[in-house]
Amino acid sequence: MFTFYVNEGLEQGPVRSSAMLSLTVALFFHFFPSITNAYLVKNIPLVFIGSSFIGMVSGRLVSGYWLIGLAGVVFCIIFLNASRFFTGYGGALGISACISLLAILSIPIVTKKHRLTNGFALLRKTVFKIRKK
């Protein structure tokens, strides 16, 4: 959620906000590894980097912070249960973040019959505009 705030609220852009916050967390655990056990020192930066990919989403597609937080929870569940399947594959954190964000964005489609929310209408418009080019 903090990446989304820096991205949208402070207008730093998605890449800069994710990179800046991920670097801060990684450097913190690199210089202070004795704060917690070795498993957490190794995995907290990975989980933070992956969840910061969720915060890179545009404010036009996600209407609130609670959706970002919910997508982060889904990402953690995917990371904890499926991380062994992604061993050796590049982009596993990004794929997991994408899957969790798409799962959260699909909730209005599943719960409301034949209605698209503003975020899905914009996404559909963007996808069809890219296909026409």
C-alpha atoms as a PDB file:
ATOM      1  CA  MET A   1       0.000   0.000   0.000  1.00  0.00           C
ATOM      2  CA  PHE A   2       2.938   2.316   0.663  1.00  0.00           C
ATOM      3  CA  THR A   3       4.169   1.872  -2.910  1.00  0.00           C
ATOM      4  CA  PHE A   4       0.710   2.807  -4.187  1.00  0.00           C
ATOM      5  CA  TYR A   5       0.726   5.879  -1.934  1.00  0.00           C
ATOM      6  CA  VAL A   6       4.164   6.999  -3.156  1.00  0.00           C
ATOM      7  CA  ASN A   7       3.118   6.230  -6.741  1.00  0.00           C
ATOM      8  CA  GLU A   8      -0.233   8.029  -6.726  1.00  0.00           C
ATOM      9  CA  GLY A   9      -0.188  10.304  -3.686  1.00  0.00           C
ATOM     10  CA  LEU A  10       3.338  11.670  -3.991  1.00  0.00           C
ATOM     11  CA  GLU A  11       3.310  11.339  -7.806  1.00  0.00           C
ATOM     12  CA  GLN A  12       6.700   9.639  -8.041  1.00  0.00           C
ATOM     13  CA  GLY A  13       5.678   7.147 -10.706  1.00  0.00           C
ATOM     14  CA  PRO A  14       5.341   3.392 -10.423  1.00  0.00           C
ATOM     15  CA  VAL A  15       8.913   2.352 -11.184  1.00  0.00           C
ATOM     16  CA  ARG A  16      10.574   4.937  -8.978  1.00  0.00           C
ATOM     17  CA  SER A  17       8.276   4.280  -6.031  1.00  0.00           C
ATOM     18  CA  SER A  18       8.714   0.508  -6.205  1.00  0.00           C
ATOM     19  CA  ALA A  19      12.476   0.683  -6.691  1.00  0.00           C
ATOM     20  CA  MET A  20      13.040   3.266  -3.963  1.00  0.00           C
ATOM     21  CA  LEU A  21      11.053   1.410  -1.325  1.00  0.00           C
ATOM     22  CA  SER A  22      12.398  -2.027  -2.296  1.00  0.00           C
ATOM     23  CA  LEU A  23      15.968  -0.769  -2.147  1.00  0.00           C
ATOM     24  CA  THR A  24      15.325   0.726   1.284  1.00  0.00           C
ATOM     25  CA  VAL A  25      13.961  -2.541   2.672  1.00  0.00           C
ATOM     26  CA  ALA A  26      16.705  -4.634   1.062  1.00  0.00           C
ATOM     27  CA  LEU A  27      19.464  -2.372   2.396  1.00  0.00           C
ATOM     28  CA  PHE A  28      17.928  -2.386   5.859  1.00  0.00           C
ATOM     29  CA  PHE A  29      17.970  -6.184   6.061  1.00  0.00           C
ATOM     30  CA  HIS A  30      21.405  -6.324   4.449  1.00  0.00           C
ATOM     31  CA  PHE A  31      23.005  -4.056   7.049  1.00  0.00           C
ATOM     32  CA  PHE A  32      20.989  -5.317  10.042  1.00  0.00           C
ATOM     33  CA  PRO A  33      20.653  -9.095   9.560  1.00  0.00           C
ATOM     34  CA  SER A  34      20.662  -9.811  13.278  1.00  0.00           C
ATOM     35  CA  ILE A  35      17.244  -8.207  13.826  1.00  0.00           C
ATOM     36  CA  THR A  36      15.418 -11.464  13.151  1.00  0.00           C
ATOM     37  CA  ASN A  37      16.152 -15.031  12.075  1.00  0.00           C
ATOM     38  CA  ALA A  38      17.891 -15.865   8.789  1.00  0.00           C
ATOM     39  CA  TYR A  39      14.726 -17.154   7.075  1.00  0.00           C
ATOM     40  CA  LEU A  40      12.939 -13.831   7.536  1.00  0.00           C
ATOM     41  CA  VAL A  41      16.021 -11.799   6.617  1.00  0.00           C
ATOM     42  CA  LYS A  42      16.145 -13.694   3.324  1.00  0.00           C
ATOM     43  CA  ASN A  43      12.402 -13.692   2.525  1.00  0.00           C
ATOM     44  CA  ILE A  44      11.070 -10.340   3.763  1.00  0.00           C
ATOM     45  CA  PRO A  45      12.848  -8.359   1.012  1.00  0.00           C
ATOM     46  CA  LEU A  46      11.533 -10.813  -1.600  1.00  0.00           C
ATOM     47  CA  VAL A  47       7.970 -10.523  -0.359  1.00  0.00           C
ATOM     48  CA  PHE A  48       8.266  -6.746  -0.169  1.00  0.00           C
ATOM     49  CA  ILE A  49       9.604  -6.479  -3.713  1.00  0.00           C
ATOM     50  CA  GLY A  50       6.833  -8.700  -5.041  1.00  0.00           C
ATOM     51  CA  SER A  51       4.124  -6.875  -3.167  1.00  0.00           C
ATOM     52  CA  SER A  52       5.525  -3.531  -4.291  1.00  0.00           C
ATOM     53  CA  PHE A  53       4.728  -4.644  -7.849  1.00  0.00           C
ATOM     54  CA  ILE A  54       1.077  -4.594  -6.815  1.00  0.00           C
ATOM     55  CA  GLY A  55       1.445  -0.976  -5.708  1.00  0.00           C
ATOM     56  CA  MET A  56       2.616  -0.035  -9.194  1.00  0.00           C
ATOM     57  CA  VAL A  57      -0.959  -0.299 -10.489  1.00  0.00           C
ATOM     58  CA  SER A  58      -2.626   2.854 -11.767  1.00  0.00           C
ATOM     59  CA  GLY A  59      -5.084   4.701  -9.563  1.00  0.00           C
ATOM     60  CA  ARG A  60      -7.539   4.590 -12.486  1.00  0.00           C
ATOM     61  CA  LEU A  61      -7.830   0.809 -12.172  1.00  0.00           C
ATOM     62  CA  VAL A  62      -7.902   0.463  -8.376  1.00  0.00           C
ATOM     63  CA  SER A  63     -10.249   2.655  -6.411  1.00  0.00           C
ATOM     64  CA  GLY A  64      -8.902   2.286  -2.892  1.00  0.00           C
ATOM     65  CA  TYR A  65      -6.158   1.217  -0.574  1.00  0.00           C
ATOM     66  CA  TRP A  66      -8.144  -1.704   0.786  1.00  0.00           C
ATOM     67  CA  LEU A  67      -8.035  -3.399  -2.636  1.00  0.00           C
ATOM     68  CA  ILE A  68      -4.251  -2.996  -2.711  1.00  0.00           C
ATOM     69  CA  GLY A  69      -4.022  -4.486   0.787  1.00  0.00           C
ATOM     70  CA  LEU A  70      -6.278  -7.378  -0.181  1.00  0.00           C
ATOM     71  CA  ALA A  71      -4.163  -8.043  -3.274  1.00  0.00           C
ATOM     72  CA  GLY A  72      -1.098  -8.041  -1.004  1.00  0.00           C
ATOM     73  CA  VAL A  73      -2.683 -10.693   1.195  1.00  0.00           C
ATOM     74  CA  VAL A  74      -3.461 -12.809  -1.884  1.00  0.00           C
ATOM     75  CA  PHE A  75       0.138 -12.316  -3.049  1.00  0.00           C
ATOM     76  CA  CYS A  76       1.471 -13.564   0.288  1.00  0.00           C
ATOM     77  CA  ILE A  77      -0.746 -16.643   0.094  1.00  0.00           C
ATOM     78  CA  ILE A  78       0.497 -17.361  -3.424  1.00  0.00           C
ATOM     79  CA  PHE A  79       4.099 -16.747  -2.397  1.00  0.00           C
ATOM     80  CA  LEU A  80       3.908 -19.052   0.611  1.00  0.00           C
ATOM     81  CA  ASN A  81       2.104 -21.879  -1.194  1.00  0.00           C
ATOM     82  CA  ALA A  82       3.448 -21.737  -4.748  1.00  0.00           C
ATOM     83  CA  SER A  83       6.978 -20.377  -4.459  1.00  0.00           C
ATOM     84  CA  ARG A  84       8.490 -23.840  -4.830  1.00  0.00           C
ATOM     85  CA  PHE A  85       6.765 -24.232  -8.231  1.00  0.00           C
ATOM     86  CA  PHE A  86       8.462 -21.081  -9.523  1.00  0.00           C
ATOM     87  CA  THR A  87      11.994 -22.192  -8.631  1.00  0.00           C
ATOM     88  CA  GLY A  88      14.281 -21.534 -11.584  1.00  0.00           C
ATOM     89  CA  TYR A  89      11.801 -19.332 -13.435  1.00  0.00           C
ATOM     90  CA  GLY A  90      12.514 -15.639 -13.851  1.00  0.00           C
ATOM     91  CA  GLY A  91       9.767 -13.201 -13.024  1.00  0.00           C
ATOM     92  CA  ALA A  92       8.072 -15.325 -10.383  1.00  0.00           C
ATOM     93  CA  LEU A  93       7.444 -12.345  -8.095  1.00  0.00           C
ATOM     94  CA  GLY A  94       5.923 -10.335 -10.928  1.00  0.00           C
ATOM     95  CA  ILE A  95       3.765 -13.224 -12.079  1.00  0.00           C
ATOM     96  CA  SER A  96       2.519 -13.795  -8.536  1.00  0.00           C
ATOM     97  CA  ALA A  97       1.769 -10.083  -8.135  1.00  0.00           C
ATOM     98  CA  CYS A  98      -0.064 -10.016 -11.466  1.00  0.00           C
ATOM     99  CA  ILE A  99      -2.150 -13.062 -10.560  1.00  0.00           C
ATOM    100  CA  SER A 100      -3.107 -11.609  -7.184  1.00  0.00           C
ATOM    101  CA  LEU A 101      -4.001  -8.216  -8.642  1.00  0.00           C
ATOM    102  CA  LEU A 102      -6.066  -9.763 -11.430  1.00  0.00           C
ATOM    103  CA  ALA A 103      -7.864 -11.933  -8.886  1.00  0.00           C
ATOM    104  CA  ILE A 104      -8.835  -8.853  -6.883  1.00  0.00           C
ATOM    105  CA  LEU A 105      -9.808  -6.852  -9.976  1.00  0.00           C
ATOM    106  CA  SER A 106     -12.064  -9.689 -11.133  1.00  0.00           C
ATOM    107  CA  ILE A 107     -14.206  -9.618  -7.983  1.00  0.00           C
ATOM    108  CA  PRO A 108     -16.694  -7.060  -9.395  1.00  0.00           C
ATOM    109  CA  ILE A 109     -17.146  -9.145 -12.542  1.00  0.00           C
ATOM    110  CA  VAL A 110     -17.930 -12.247 -10.502  1.00  0.00           C
ATOM    111  CA  THR A 111     -20.231 -10.520  -8.013  1.00  0.00           C
ATOM    112  CA  LYS A 112     -22.197  -8.229 -10.362  1.00  0.00           C
ATOM    113  CA  LYS A 113     -24.017  -9.642 -13.342  1.00  0.00           C
ATOM    114  CA  HIS A 114     -23.280  -8.004 -16.687  1.00  0.00           C
ATOM    115  CA  ARG A 115     -21.712  -4.863 -15.225  1.00  0.00           C
ATOM    116  CA  LEU A 116     -18.230  -3.534 -15.669  1.00  0.00           C
ATOM    117  CA  THR A 117     -16.716  -1.195 -13.152  1.00  0.00           C
ATOM    118  CA  ASN A 118     -14.850   1.895 -14.265  1.00  0.00           C
ATOM    119  CA  GLY A 119     -11.500   0.145 -13.830  1.00  0.00           C
ATOM    120  CA  PHE A 120     -12.462  -2.748 -16.078  1.00  0.00           C
ATOM    121  CA  ALA A 121     -13.935  -0.403 -18.680  1.00  0.00           C
ATOM    122  CA  LEU A 122     -10.632   1.484 -18.791  1.00  0.00           C
ATOM    123  CA  LEU A 123      -8.667  -1.750 -18.962  1.00  0.00           C
ATOM    124  CA  ARG A 124     -10.814  -3.054 -21.809  1.00  0.00           C
ATOM    125  CA  LYS A 125     -10.463   0.264 -23.662  1.00  0.00           C
ATOM    126  CA  THR A 126      -6.673   0.161 -23.233  1.00  0.00           C
ATOM    127  CA  VAL A 127      -6.399  -3.453 -24.407  1.00  0.00           C
ATOM    128  CA  PHE A 128      -8.484  -2.845 -27.519  1.00  0.00           C
ATOM    129  CA  LYS A 129      -6.547   0.329 -28.318  1.00  0.00           C
ATOM    130  CA  ILE A 130      -3.275  -1.633 -28.175  1.00  0.00           C
ATOM    131  CA  ARG A 131      -4.691  -4.386 -30.413  1.00  0.00           C
ATOM    132  CA  LYS A 132      -5.797  -1.881 -33.088  1.00  0.00           C
ATOM    133  CA  LYS A 133      -2.258  -0.489 -33.460  1.00  0.00           C
END
